[in-house]
PDB file of N, CA and C in Angstrom:
ATOM      1  N   UNK A   1     153.595-186.420  -8.315  1.00  0.00           N
ATOM      2  CA  UNK A   1     152.820-187.498  -8.901  1.00  0.00           C
ATOM      3  C   UNK A   1     151.431-186.968  -9.259  1.00  0.00           C
ATOM      4  N   UNK A   2     151.034-187.191 -10.470  1.00  0.00           N
ATOM      5  CA  UNK A   2     149.684-186.768 -10.914  1.00  0.00           C
ATOM      6  C   UNK A   2     148.763-187.977 -10.750  1.00  0.00           C
ATOM      7  N   UNK A   3     147.629-187.731 -10.111  1.00  0.00           N
ATOM      8  CA  UNK A   3     146.632-188.801  -9.934  1.00  0.00           C
ATOM      9  C   UNK A   3     145.369-188.348 -10.604  1.00  0.00           C
ATOM     10  N   UNK A   4     144.911-189.151 -11.592  1.00  0.00           N
ATOM     11  CA  UNK A   4     143.693-188.834 -12.342  1.00  0.00           C
ATOM     12  C   UNK A   4     142.674-189.932 -12.035  1.00  0.00           C
ATOM     13  N   UNK A   5     141.540-189.567 -11.560  1.00  0.00           N
ATOM     14  CA  UNK A   5     140.484-190.520 -11.246  1.00  0.00           C
ATOM     15  C   UNK A   5     139.320-190.340 -12.220  1.00  0.00           C
ATOM     16  N   UNK A   6     138.943-191.406 -12.901  1.00  0.00           N
ATOM     17  CA  UNK A   6     137.867-191.380 -13.875  1.00  0.00           C
ATOM     18  C   UNK A   6     136.792-192.316 -13.379  1.00  0.00           C
ATOM     19  N   UNK A   7     135.542-191.815 -13.301  1.00  0.00           N
ATOM     20  CA  UNK A   7     134.419-192.627 -12.905  1.00  0.00           C
ATOM     21  C   UNK A   7     133.541-192.844 -14.157  1.00  0.00           C
ATOM     22  N   UNK A   8     133.340-194.062 -14.552  1.00  0.00           N
ATOM     23  CA  UNK A   8     132.548-194.349 -15.737  1.00  0.00           C
ATOM     24  C   UNK A   8     131.103-194.584 -15.346  1.00  0.00           C
ATOM     25  N   UNK A   9     130.204-193.825 -15.998  1.00  0.00           N
ATOM     26  CA  UNK A   9     128.749-193.974 -15.842  1.00  0.00           C
ATOM     27  C   UNK A   9     128.209-193.590 -14.496  1.00  0.00           C
ATOM     28  N   UNK A  10     128.987-192.901 -13.683  1.00  0.00           N
ATOM     29  CA  UNK A  10     128.505-192.388 -12.405  1.00  0.00           C
ATOM     30  C   UNK A  10     129.431-191.292 -11.906  1.00  0.00           C
ATOM     31  N   UNK A  11     129.032-190.571 -10.909  1.00  0.00           N
ATOM     32  CA  UNK A  11     129.860-189.531 -10.294  1.00  0.00           C
ATOM     33  C   UNK A  11     130.345-190.037  -8.977  1.00  0.00           C
ATOM     34  N   UNK A  12     131.700-190.049  -8.803  1.00  0.00           N
ATOM     35  CA  UNK A  12     132.285-190.573  -7.567  1.00  0.00           C
ATOM     36  C   UNK A  12     132.225-189.454  -6.480  1.00  0.00           C
ATOM     37  N   UNK A  13     131.971-189.877  -5.257  1.00  0.00           N
ATOM     38  CA  UNK A  13     131.990-188.957  -4.160  1.00  0.00           C
ATOM     39  C   UNK A  13     133.392-188.518  -3.809  1.00  0.00           C
ATOM     40  N   UNK A  14     133.464-187.340  -3.190  1.00  0.00           N
ATOM     41  CA  UNK A  14     134.773-186.806  -2.788  1.00  0.00           C
ATOM     42  C   UNK A  14     135.455-187.676  -1.769  1.00  0.00           C
ATOM     43  N   UNK A  15     134.697-188.300  -0.896  1.00  0.00           N
ATOM     44  CA  UNK A  15     135.325-189.177   0.117  1.00  0.00           C
ATOM     45  C   UNK A  15     136.016-190.352  -0.555  1.00  0.00           C
ATOM     46  N   UNK A  16     135.360-190.923  -1.560  1.00  0.00           N
ATOM     47  CA  UNK A  16     135.974-192.027  -2.288  1.00  0.00           C
ATOM     48  C   UNK A  16     137.243-191.559  -3.034  1.00  0.00           C
ATOM     49  N   UNK A  17     137.168-190.405  -3.651  1.00  0.00           N
ATOM     50  CA  UNK A  17     138.362-189.880  -4.342  1.00  0.00           C
ATOM     51  C   UNK A  17     139.497-189.648  -3.362  1.00  0.00           C
ATOM     52  N   UNK A  18     139.221-189.108  -2.209  1.00  0.00           N
ATOM     53  CA  UNK A  18     140.251-188.846  -1.207  1.00  0.00           C
ATOM     54  C   UNK A  18     140.836-190.163  -0.693  1.00  0.00           C
ATOM     55  N   UNK A  19     140.018-191.155  -0.520  1.00  0.00           N
ATOM     56  CA  UNK A  19     140.516-192.495  -0.071  1.00  0.00           C
ATOM     57  C   UNK A  19     141.449-193.050  -1.128  1.00  0.00           C
ATOM     58  N   UNK A  20     141.095-192.981  -2.378  1.00  0.00           N
ATOM     59  CA  UNK A  20     141.909-193.540  -3.442  1.00  0.00           C
ATOM     60  C   UNK A  20     143.206-192.776  -3.565  1.00  0.00           C
ATOM     61  N   UNK A  21     143.163-191.444  -3.423  1.00  0.00           N
ATOM     62  CA  UNK A  21     144.404-190.641  -3.481  1.00  0.00           C
ATOM     63  C   UNK A  21     145.321-191.018  -2.358  1.00  0.00           C
ATOM     64  N   UNK A  22     144.781-191.237  -1.164  1.00  0.00           N
ATOM     65  CA  UNK A  22     145.645-191.645  -0.017  1.00  0.00           C
ATOM     66  C   UNK A  22     146.301-193.043  -0.271  1.00  0.00           C
ATOM     67  N   UNK A  23     145.483-193.952  -0.879  1.00  0.00           N
ATOM     68  CA  UNK A  23     146.061-195.287  -1.189  1.00  0.00           C
ATOM     69  C   UNK A  23     147.172-195.172  -2.202  1.00  0.00           C
ATOM     70  N   UNK A  24     147.008-194.332  -3.223  1.00  0.00           N
ATOM     71  CA  UNK A  24     148.011-194.221  -4.260  1.00  0.00           C
ATOM     72  C   UNK A  24     149.246-193.511  -3.746  1.00  0.00           C
ATOM     73  N   UNK A  25     149.091-192.477  -2.929  1.00  0.00           N
ATOM     74  CA  UNK A  25     150.238-191.771  -2.422  1.00  0.00           C
ATOM     75  C   UNK A  25     151.019-192.628  -1.438  1.00  0.00           C
ATOM     76  N   UNK A  26     150.385-193.655  -0.840  1.00  0.00           N
ATOM     77  CA  UNK A  26     151.121-194.546   0.053  1.00  0.00           C
ATOM     78  C   UNK A  26     152.107-195.410  -0.756  1.00  0.00           C
ATOM     79  N   UNK A  27     151.901-195.554  -2.056  1.00  0.00           N
ATOM     80  CA  UNK A  27     152.836-196.314  -2.869  1.00  0.00           C
ATOM     81  C   UNK A  27     154.168-195.571  -3.119  1.00  0.00           C
ATOM     82  N   UNK A  28     154.150-194.279  -2.838  1.00  0.00           N
ATOM     83  CA  UNK A  28     155.385-193.487  -3.078  1.00  0.00           C
ATOM     84  C   UNK A  28     156.523-193.926  -2.182  1.00  0.00           C
ATOM     85  N   UNK A  29     156.262-194.533  -1.073  1.00  0.00           N
ATOM     86  CA  UNK A  29     157.371-194.981  -0.212  1.00  0.00           C
ATOM     87  C   UNK A  29     158.074-196.213  -0.790  1.00  0.00           C
ATOM     88  N   UNK A  30     157.465-196.898  -1.741  1.00  0.00           N
ATOM     89  CA  UNK A  30     158.100-198.051  -2.374  1.00  0.00           C
ATOM     90  C   UNK A  30     158.889-197.633  -3.622  1.00  0.00           C
ATOM     91  N   UNK A  31     158.476-196.525  -4.265  1.00  0.00           N
ATOM     92  CA  UNK A  31     159.184-196.048  -5.446  1.00  0.00           C
ATOM     93  C   UNK A  31     158.961-194.555  -5.541  1.00  0.00           C
ATOM     94  N   UNK A  32     159.998-193.756  -5.496  1.00  0.00           N
ATOM     95  CA  UNK A  32     159.895-192.293  -5.555  1.00  0.00           C
ATOM     96  C   UNK A  32     159.682-191.805  -6.989  1.00  0.00           C
ATOM     97  N   UNK A  33     159.900-192.652  -7.952  1.00  0.00           N
ATOM     98  CA  UNK A  33     159.884-192.216  -9.387  1.00  0.00           C
ATOM     99  C   UNK A  33     158.503-192.385 -10.031  1.00  0.00           C
ATOM    100  N   UNK A  34     157.416-192.531  -9.279  1.00  0.00           N
ATOM    101  CA  UNK A  34     156.114-192.664  -9.895  1.00  0.00           C
ATOM    102  C   UNK A  34     155.754-191.361 -10.534  1.00  0.00           C
ATOM    103  N   UNK A  35     155.518-191.402 -11.847  1.00  0.00           N
ATOM    104  CA  UNK A  35     155.198-190.163 -12.602  1.00  0.00           C
ATOM    105  C   UNK A  35     153.726-189.812 -12.449  1.00  0.00           C
ATOM    106  N   UNK A  36     152.849-190.715 -12.810  1.00  0.00           N
ATOM    107  CA  UNK A  36     151.431-190.463 -12.648  1.00  0.00           C
ATOM    108  C   UNK A  36     150.665-191.785 -12.497  1.00  0.00           C
ATOM    109  N   UNK A  37     149.434-191.593 -12.004  1.00  0.00           N
ATOM    110  CA  UNK A  37     148.569-192.761 -11.741  1.00  0.00           C
ATOM    111  C   UNK A  37     147.179-192.430 -12.357  1.00  0.00           C
ATOM    112  N   UNK A  38     146.670-193.375 -13.101  1.00  0.00           N
ATOM    113  CA  UNK A  38     145.338-193.284 -13.685  1.00  0.00           C
ATOM    114  C   UNK A  38     144.467-194.294 -12.997  1.00  0.00           C
ATOM    115  N   UNK A  39     143.367-193.864 -12.391  1.00  0.00           N
ATOM    116  CA  UNK A  39     142.424-194.762 -11.699  1.00  0.00           C
ATOM    117  C   UNK A  39     141.109-194.728 -12.474  1.00  0.00           C
ATOM    118  N   UNK A  40     140.632-195.898 -12.839  1.00  0.00           N
ATOM    119  CA  UNK A  40     139.335-195.982 -13.556  1.00  0.00           C
ATOM    120  C   UNK A  40     138.377-196.765 -12.681  1.00  0.00           C
ATOM    121  N   UNK A  41     137.254-196.133 -12.358  1.00  0.00           N
ATOM    122  CA  UNK A  41     136.245-196.721 -11.530  1.00  0.00           C
ATOM    123  C   UNK A  41     135.072-197.043 -12.465  1.00  0.00           C
ATOM    124  N   UNK A  42     134.610-198.289 -12.465  1.00  0.00           N
ATOM    125  CA  UNK A  42     133.441-198.628 -13.272  1.00  0.00           C
ATOM    126  C   UNK A  42     132.464-199.453 -12.436  1.00  0.00           C
ATOM    127  N   UNK A  43     131.239-199.388 -12.864  1.00  0.00           N
ATOM    128  CA  UNK A  43     130.166-199.996 -12.110  1.00  0.00           C
ATOM    129  C   UNK A  43     129.315-200.775 -13.098  1.00  0.00           C
ATOM    130  N   UNK A  44     129.163-202.093 -12.862  1.00  0.00           N
ATOM    131  CA  UNK A  44     128.325-202.914 -13.704  1.00  0.00           C
ATOM    132  C   UNK A  44     126.936-202.970 -13.053  1.00  0.00           C
ATOM    133  N   UNK A  45     125.964-202.440 -13.761  1.00  0.00           N
ATOM    134  CA  UNK A  45     124.641-202.363 -13.217  1.00  0.00           C
ATOM    135  C   UNK A  45     123.859-203.652 -13.464  1.00  0.00           C
ATOM    136  N   UNK A  46     124.166-204.647 -12.692  1.00  0.00           N
ATOM    137  CA  UNK A  46     123.417-205.908 -12.773  1.00  0.00           C
ATOM    138  C   UNK A  46     122.967-206.304 -11.367  1.00  0.00           C
ATOM    139  N   UNK A  47     122.531-207.453 -11.208  1.00  0.00           N
ATOM    140  CA  UNK A  47     121.959-207.880  -9.890  1.00  0.00           C
ATOM    141  C   UNK A  47     122.981-207.871  -8.779  1.00  0.00           C
ATOM    142  N   UNK A  48     124.231-208.190  -9.052  1.00  0.00           N
ATOM    143  CA  UNK A  48     125.274-208.272  -8.005  1.00  0.00           C
ATOM    144  C   UNK A  48     125.943-206.942  -7.718  1.00  0.00           C
ATOM    145  N   UNK A  49     125.747-205.968  -8.588  1.00  0.00           N
ATOM    146  CA  UNK A  49     126.348-204.646  -8.488  1.00  0.00           C
ATOM    147  C   UNK A  49     127.866-204.716  -8.246  1.00  0.00           C
ATOM    148  N   UNK A  50     128.591-205.300  -9.199  1.00  0.00           N
ATOM    149  CA  UNK A  50     130.028-205.433  -9.099  1.00  0.00           C
ATOM    150  C   UNK A  50     130.695-204.149  -9.428  1.00  0.00           C
ATOM    151  N   UNK A  51     131.617-203.732  -8.565  1.00  0.00           N
ATOM    152  CA  UNK A  51     132.391-202.495  -8.760  1.00  0.00           C
ATOM    153  C   UNK A  51     133.803-202.836  -9.117  1.00  0.00           C
ATOM    154  N   UNK A  52     134.361-202.184 -10.115  1.00  0.00           N
ATOM    155  CA  UNK A  52     135.700-202.520 -10.621  1.00  0.00           C
ATOM    156  C   UNK A  52     136.602-201.308 -10.506  1.00  0.00           C
ATOM    157  N   UNK A  53     137.838-201.528 -10.039  1.00  0.00           N
ATOM    158  CA  UNK A  53     138.842-200.496  -9.941  1.00  0.00           C
ATOM    159  C   UNK A  53     140.054-200.960 -10.745  1.00  0.00           C
ATOM    160  N   UNK A  54     140.506-200.094 -11.673  1.00  0.00           N
ATOM    161  CA  UNK A  54     141.707-200.350 -12.454  1.00  0.00           C
ATOM    162  C   UNK A  54     142.675-199.237 -12.171  1.00  0.00           C
ATOM    163  N   UNK A  55     143.935-199.564 -11.868  1.00  0.00           N
ATOM    164  CA  UNK A  55     144.960-198.569 -11.598  1.00  0.00           C
ATOM    165  C   UNK A  55     146.155-198.807 -12.524  1.00  0.00           C
ATOM    166  N   UNK A  56     146.551-197.716 -13.193  1.00  0.00           N
ATOM    167  CA  UNK A  56     147.693-197.792 -14.098  1.00  0.00           C
ATOM    168  C   UNK A  56     148.738-196.801 -13.596  1.00  0.00           C
ATOM    169  N   UNK A  57     149.912-197.325 -13.199  1.00  0.00           N
ATOM    170  CA  UNK A  57     151.004-196.468 -12.724  1.00  0.00           C
ATOM    171  C   UNK A  57     152.067-196.317 -13.812  1.00  0.00           C
ATOM    172  N   UNK A  58     152.569-195.110 -13.972  1.00  0.00           N
ATOM    173  CA  UNK A  58     153.669-194.858 -14.929  1.00  0.00           C
ATOM    174  C   UNK A  58     154.902-194.555 -14.121  1.00  0.00           C
ATOM    175  N   UNK A  59     155.944-195.350 -14.324  1.00  0.00           N
ATOM    176  CA  UNK A  59     157.274-195.079 -13.745  1.00  0.00           C
ATOM    177  C   UNK A  59     158.231-195.044 -14.926  1.00  0.00           C
ATOM    178  N   UNK A  60     159.405-194.432 -14.768  1.00  0.00           N
ATOM    179  CA  UNK A  60     160.326-194.337 -15.905  1.00  0.00           C
ATOM    180  C   UNK A  60     160.649-195.743 -16.474  1.00  0.00           C
ATOM    181  N   UNK A  61     160.337-195.907 -17.742  1.00  0.00           N
ATOM    182  CA  UNK A  61     160.676-197.160 -18.428  1.00  0.00           C
ATOM    183  C   UNK A  61     159.656-198.233 -18.334  1.00  0.00           C
ATOM    184  N   UNK A  62     158.625-198.070 -17.497  1.00  0.00           N
ATOM    185  CA  UNK A  62     157.626-199.117 -17.322  1.00  0.00           C
ATOM    186  C   UNK A  62     156.259-198.552 -17.026  1.00  0.00           C
ATOM    187  N   UNK A  63     155.257-199.368 -17.292  1.00  0.00           N
ATOM    188  CA  UNK A  63     153.878-199.061 -16.942  1.00  0.00           C
ATOM    189  C   UNK A  63     153.344-200.289 -16.155  1.00  0.00           C
ATOM    190  N   UNK A  64     152.874-200.046 -14.935  1.00  0.00           N
ATOM    191  CA  UNK A  64     152.342-201.110 -14.120  1.00  0.00           C
ATOM    192  C   UNK A  64     150.811-200.961 -14.027  1.00  0.00           C
ATOM    193  N   UNK A  65     150.126-202.069 -14.006  1.00  0.00           N
ATOM    194  CA  UNK A  65     148.690-201.989 -13.879  1.00  0.00           C
ATOM    195  C   UNK A  65     148.185-203.108 -12.950  1.00  0.00           C
ATOM    196  N   UNK A  66     147.065-202.820 -12.326  1.00  0.00           N
ATOM    197  CA  UNK A  66     146.379-203.769 -11.476  1.00  0.00           C
ATOM    198  C   UNK A  66     144.910-203.471 -11.470  1.00  0.00           C
ATOM    199  N   UNK A  67     144.093-204.477 -11.315  1.00  0.00           N
ATOM    200  CA  UNK A  67     142.652-204.283 -11.305  1.00  0.00           C
ATOM    201  C   UNK A  67     142.039-205.290 -10.312  1.00  0.00           C
ATOM    202  N   UNK A  68     140.924-204.923  -9.767  1.00  0.00           N
ATOM    203  CA  UNK A  68     140.183-205.810  -8.911  1.00  0.00           C
ATOM    204  C   UNK A  68     138.715-205.433  -8.939  1.00  0.00           C
ATOM    205  N   UNK A  69     137.852-206.418  -8.713  1.00  0.00           N
ATOM    206  CA  UNK A  69     136.409-206.096  -8.644  1.00  0.00           C
ATOM    207  C   UNK A  69     135.797-206.787  -7.469  1.00  0.00           C
ATOM    208  N   UNK A  70     135.045-206.063  -6.690  1.00  0.00           N
ATOM    209  CA  UNK A  70     134.338-206.552  -5.560  1.00  0.00           C
ATOM    210  C   UNK A  70     132.993-205.829  -5.446  1.00  0.00           C
ATOM    211  N   UNK A  71     132.321-205.929  -4.329  1.00  0.00           N
ATOM    212  CA  UNK A  71     131.062-205.280  -4.135  1.00  0.00           C
ATOM    213  C   UNK A  71     131.235-203.891  -3.529  1.00  0.00           C
ATOM    214  N   UNK A  72     132.509-203.486  -3.263  1.00  0.00           N
ATOM    215  CA  UNK A  72     132.747-202.174  -2.634  1.00  0.00           C
ATOM    216  C   UNK A  72     133.980-201.567  -3.280  1.00  0.00           C
ATOM    217  N   UNK A  73     133.911-200.266  -3.600  1.00  0.00           N
ATOM    218  CA  UNK A  73     134.997-199.583  -4.275  1.00  0.00           C
ATOM    219  C   UNK A  73     136.254-199.488  -3.385  1.00  0.00           C
ATOM    220  N   UNK A  74     136.070-199.268  -2.120  1.00  0.00           N
ATOM    221  CA  UNK A  74     137.220-199.120  -1.219  1.00  0.00           C
ATOM    222  C   UNK A  74     137.988-200.461  -1.093  1.00  0.00           C
ATOM    223  N   UNK A  75     137.274-201.541  -0.993  1.00  0.00           N
ATOM    224  CA  UNK A  75     137.938-202.850  -0.909  1.00  0.00           C
ATOM    225  C   UNK A  75     138.691-203.158  -2.202  1.00  0.00           C
ATOM    226  N   UNK A  76     138.096-202.860  -3.336  1.00  0.00           N
ATOM    227  CA  UNK A  76     138.719-203.105  -4.610  1.00  0.00           C
ATOM    228  C   UNK A  76     139.949-202.219  -4.786  1.00  0.00           C
ATOM    229  N   UNK A  77     139.870-200.945  -4.370  1.00  0.00           N
ATOM    230  CA  UNK A  77     141.013-200.042  -4.478  1.00  0.00           C
ATOM    231  C   UNK A  77     142.169-200.507  -3.578  1.00  0.00           C
ATOM    232  N   UNK A  78     141.855-200.936  -2.385  1.00  0.00           N
ATOM    233  CA  UNK A  78     142.896-201.440  -1.470  1.00  0.00           C
ATOM    234  C   UNK A  78     143.562-202.677  -2.035  1.00  0.00           C
ATOM    235  N   UNK A  79     142.810-203.582  -2.599  1.00  0.00           N
ATOM    236  CA  UNK A  79     143.375-204.763  -3.169  1.00  0.00           C
ATOM    237  C   UNK A  79     144.252-204.464  -4.380  1.00  0.00           C
ATOM    238  N   UNK A  80     143.787-203.536  -5.232  1.00  0.00           N
ATOM    239  CA  UNK A  80     144.574-203.167  -6.396  1.00  0.00           C
ATOM    240  C   UNK A  80     145.893-202.492  -6.031  1.00  0.00           C
ATOM    241  N   UNK A  81     145.854-201.617  -5.030  1.00  0.00           N
ATOM    242  CA  UNK A  81     147.071-200.950  -4.592  1.00  0.00           C
ATOM    243  C   UNK A  81     148.033-201.937  -3.961  1.00  0.00           C
ATOM    244  N   UNK A  82     147.511-202.992  -3.299  1.00  0.00           N
ATOM    245  CA  UNK A  82     148.337-204.020  -2.720  1.00  0.00           C
ATOM    246  C   UNK A  82     149.040-204.790  -3.843  1.00  0.00           C
ATOM    247  N   UNK A  83     148.376-205.053  -4.944  1.00  0.00           N
ATOM    248  CA  UNK A  83     148.983-205.738  -6.045  1.00  0.00           C
ATOM    249  C   UNK A  83     150.093-204.847  -6.636  1.00  0.00           C
ATOM    250  N   UNK A  84     149.838-203.549  -6.744  1.00  0.00           N
ATOM    251  CA  UNK A  84     150.861-202.620  -7.282  1.00  0.00           C
ATOM    252  C   UNK A  84     152.056-202.536  -6.322  1.00  0.00           C
ATOM    253  N   UNK A  85     151.786-202.605  -5.006  1.00  0.00           N
ATOM    254  CA  UNK A  85     152.913-202.542  -4.030  1.00  0.00           C
ATOM    255  C   UNK A  85     153.838-203.751  -4.230  1.00  0.00           C
ATOM    256  N   UNK A  86     153.224-204.918  -4.454  1.00  0.00           N
ATOM    257  CA  UNK A  86     154.076-206.104  -4.695  1.00  0.00           C
ATOM    258  C   UNK A  86     154.870-205.961  -5.965  1.00  0.00           C
ATOM    259  N   UNK A  87     154.260-205.376  -7.012  1.00  0.00           N
ATOM    260  CA  UNK A  87     155.022-205.181  -8.267  1.00  0.00           C
ATOM    261  C   UNK A  87     156.147-204.194  -8.059  1.00  0.00           C
ATOM    262  N   UNK A  88     155.915-203.137  -7.290  1.00  0.00           N
ATOM    263  CA  UNK A  88     156.979-202.131  -7.020  1.00  0.00           C
ATOM    264  C   UNK A  88     158.111-202.753  -6.193  1.00  0.00           C
ATOM    265  N   UNK A  89     157.752-203.573  -5.243  1.00  0.00           N
ATOM    266  CA  UNK A  89     158.805-204.250  -4.425  1.00  0.00           C
ATOM    267  C   UNK A  89     159.646-205.187  -5.263  1.00  0.00           C
ATOM    268  N   UNK A  90     159.021-205.854  -6.209  1.00  0.00           N
ATOM    269  CA  UNK A  90     159.772-206.735  -7.135  1.00  0.00           C
ATOM    270  C   UNK A  90     160.737-205.965  -7.992  1.00  0.00           C
ATOM    271  N   UNK A  91     160.298-204.795  -8.501  1.00  0.00           N
ATOM    272  CA  UNK A  91     161.210-203.960  -9.291  1.00  0.00           C
ATOM    273  C   UNK A  91     162.317-203.424  -8.442  1.00  0.00           C
ATOM    274  N   UNK A  92     162.038-203.058  -7.212  1.00  0.00           N
ATOM    275  CA  UNK A  92     163.071-202.516  -6.315  1.00  0.00           C
ATOM    276  C   UNK A  92     164.112-203.596  -6.000  1.00  0.00           C
ATOM    277  N   UNK A  93     163.656-204.840  -5.779  1.00  0.00           N
ATOM    278  CA  UNK A  93     164.592-205.881  -5.447  1.00  0.00           C
ATOM    279  C   UNK A  93     165.459-206.268  -6.685  1.00  0.00           C
ATOM    280  N   UNK A  94     164.882-206.210  -7.879  1.00  0.00           N
ATOM    281  CA  UNK A  94     165.625-206.441  -9.106  1.00  0.00           C
ATOM    282  C   UNK A  94     166.706-205.406  -9.298  1.00  0.00           C
ATOM    283  N   UNK A  95     166.380-204.146  -9.016  1.00  0.00           N
ATOM    284  CA  UNK A  95     167.330-203.058  -9.154  1.00  0.00           C
ATOM    285  C   UNK A  95     168.481-203.248  -8.134  1.00  0.00           C
ATOM    286  N   UNK A  96     168.114-203.630  -6.905  1.00  0.00           N
ATOM    287  CA  UNK A  96     169.128-203.790  -5.867  1.00  0.00           C
ATOM    288  C   UNK A  96     170.068-204.972  -6.204  1.00  0.00           C
ATOM    289  N   UNK A  97     169.541-206.028  -6.812  1.00  0.00           N
ATOM    290  CA  UNK A  97     170.401-207.182  -7.116  1.00  0.00           C
ATOM    291  C   UNK A  97     171.328-206.834  -8.301  1.00  0.00           C
ATOM    292  N   UNK A  98     170.911-205.976  -9.186  1.00  0.00           N
ATOM    293  CA  UNK A  98     171.769-205.581 -10.332  1.00  0.00           C
ATOM    294  C   UNK A  98     172.934-204.712  -9.920  1.00  0.00           C
ATOM    295  N   UNK A  99     172.724-203.906  -8.845  1.00  0.00           N
ATOM    296  CA  UNK A  99     173.774-202.998  -8.424  1.00  0.00           C
ATOM    297  C   UNK A  99     174.831-203.671  -7.557  1.00  0.00           C
ATOM    298  N   UNK A 100     174.602-204.879  -7.124  1.00  0.00           N
ATOM    299  CA  UNK A 100     175.534-205.584  -6.239  1.00  0.00           C
ATOM    300  C   UNK A 100     176.700-206.095  -7.014  1.00  0.00           C
TER     301      UNK A 100
END
């Protein structure tokens, strides 16, 4: 699985990159066919300092995406991977019901 992390308008720390890579690799237990993951980190420089994480997963035949924005990148990344986990579980259950 290829994981590409893009930080817009700032440089992401290695600890943040490692955390996001761990979150994305944890999704592999729900689907072994994940080809690559693109993570886009953006920062809106206003009074509330909202941080946004967008994750796009490529699996054979489909592209899944999830995004979240909070005041912390780690919280947003965890929430976005949770959304992707639910999407992967739905796909897995649909495949299982078709094979029955």
